[in-house]
């Protein structure tokens, strides 16, 4: 792992330390988890945007998925 230096305001640092202690993590471990989660959220948002853009460029046509209607029904 690499060591990095960060500048945080005192209130944010206090909140991070409280939560990290409550979770039984070090400040570094909590920060790694938080950064990883933030990057994953960004990735999902980007995928969702690409999905929306694709449907904007090529909207679903009426009847396009009618052949799959029976496949969607749950058996009794």
Protein backbone atom coordinates (compact mmCIF):
# COMPACT_ATOMS: atom_id res chain seq x y z
CA UNK A 1 0.00 0.00 0.00
CA UNK A 2 1.01 3.58 -0.54
CA UNK A 3 0.96 6.20 2.20
CA UNK A 4 -0.85 9.42 1.30
CA UNK A 5 -1.35 12.67 3.12
CA UNK A 6 -4.78 14.33 3.17
CA UNK A 7 -6.12 17.58 4.51
CA UNK A 8 -9.50 17.32 6.25
CA UNK A 9 -11.42 19.84 8.27
CA UNK A 10 -11.52 19.04 12.00
CA UNK A 11 -15.27 18.30 12.07
CA UNK A 12 -15.04 15.78 9.26
CA UNK A 13 -12.02 14.12 10.85
CA UNK A 14 -13.86 13.83 14.17
CA UNK A 15 -16.85 12.22 12.44
CA UNK A 16 -14.59 9.78 10.59
CA UNK A 17 -12.82 8.85 13.81
CA UNK A 18 -16.11 8.29 15.68
CA UNK A 19 -17.52 6.05 12.97
CA UNK A 20 -14.26 4.18 12.48
CA UNK A 21 -14.07 3.45 16.23
CA UNK A 22 -17.71 2.33 16.28
CA UNK A 23 -17.00 -0.05 13.38
CA UNK A 24 -13.74 -1.29 14.89
CA UNK A 25 -11.69 0.06 11.99
CA UNK A 26 -8.63 2.23 11.79
CA UNK A 27 -9.00 5.65 10.23
CA UNK A 28 -7.11 4.37 7.18
CA UNK A 29 -9.29 1.28 6.81
CA UNK A 30 -12.46 3.35 7.10
CA UNK A 31 -11.14 5.81 4.52
CA UNK A 32 -10.22 3.00 2.12
CA UNK A 33 -13.72 1.53 2.43
CA UNK A 34 -15.34 4.95 1.97
CA UNK A 35 -13.27 5.76 -1.10
CA UNK A 36 -13.95 2.34 -2.61
CA UNK A 37 -17.71 2.78 -2.01
CA UNK A 38 -17.63 6.27 -3.55
CA UNK A 39 -15.83 4.98 -6.64
CA UNK A 40 -18.33 2.12 -6.99
CA UNK A 41 -21.27 4.57 -6.73
CA UNK A 42 -19.68 6.74 -9.42
CA UNK A 43 -19.22 3.69 -11.67
CA UNK A 44 -22.89 2.70 -11.22
CA UNK A 45 -24.01 6.28 -11.96
CA UNK A 46 -21.93 6.27 -15.14
CA UNK A 47 -23.42 2.94 -16.25
CA UNK A 48 -26.93 4.21 -15.54
CA UNK A 49 -26.22 7.36 -17.57
CA UNK A 50 -24.97 5.25 -20.49
CA UNK A 51 -28.11 3.12 -20.22
CA UNK A 52 -30.38 6.19 -20.29
CA UNK A 53 -28.43 7.65 -23.21
CA UNK A 54 -28.76 4.40 -25.16
CA UNK A 55 -32.54 4.37 -24.72
CA UNK A 56 -32.68 8.07 -25.60
CA UNK A 57 -30.81 7.37 -28.85
CA UNK A 58 -32.77 4.22 -29.61
CA UNK A 59 -36.14 4.16 -27.80
CA UNK A 60 -38.06 0.94 -27.38
CA UNK A 61 -40.51 0.41 -30.23
CA UNK A 62 -44.10 -0.61 -29.62
CA UNK A 63 -44.27 -4.41 -29.52
CA UNK A 64 -40.51 -4.84 -29.43
CA UNK A 65 -40.66 -7.18 -26.43
CA UNK A 66 -44.05 -8.81 -27.03
CA UNK A 67 -42.42 -12.15 -27.83
CA UNK A 68 -41.20 -12.35 -24.22
CA UNK A 69 -44.58 -11.74 -22.55
CA UNK A 70 -45.20 -15.44 -21.81
CA UNK A 71 -41.72 -15.79 -20.34
CA UNK A 72 -42.55 -13.13 -17.75
CA UNK A 73 -45.51 -15.01 -16.26
CA UNK A 74 -44.93 -17.00 -13.07
CA UNK A 75 -46.39 -20.50 -13.02
CA UNK A 76 -49.26 -21.17 -10.62
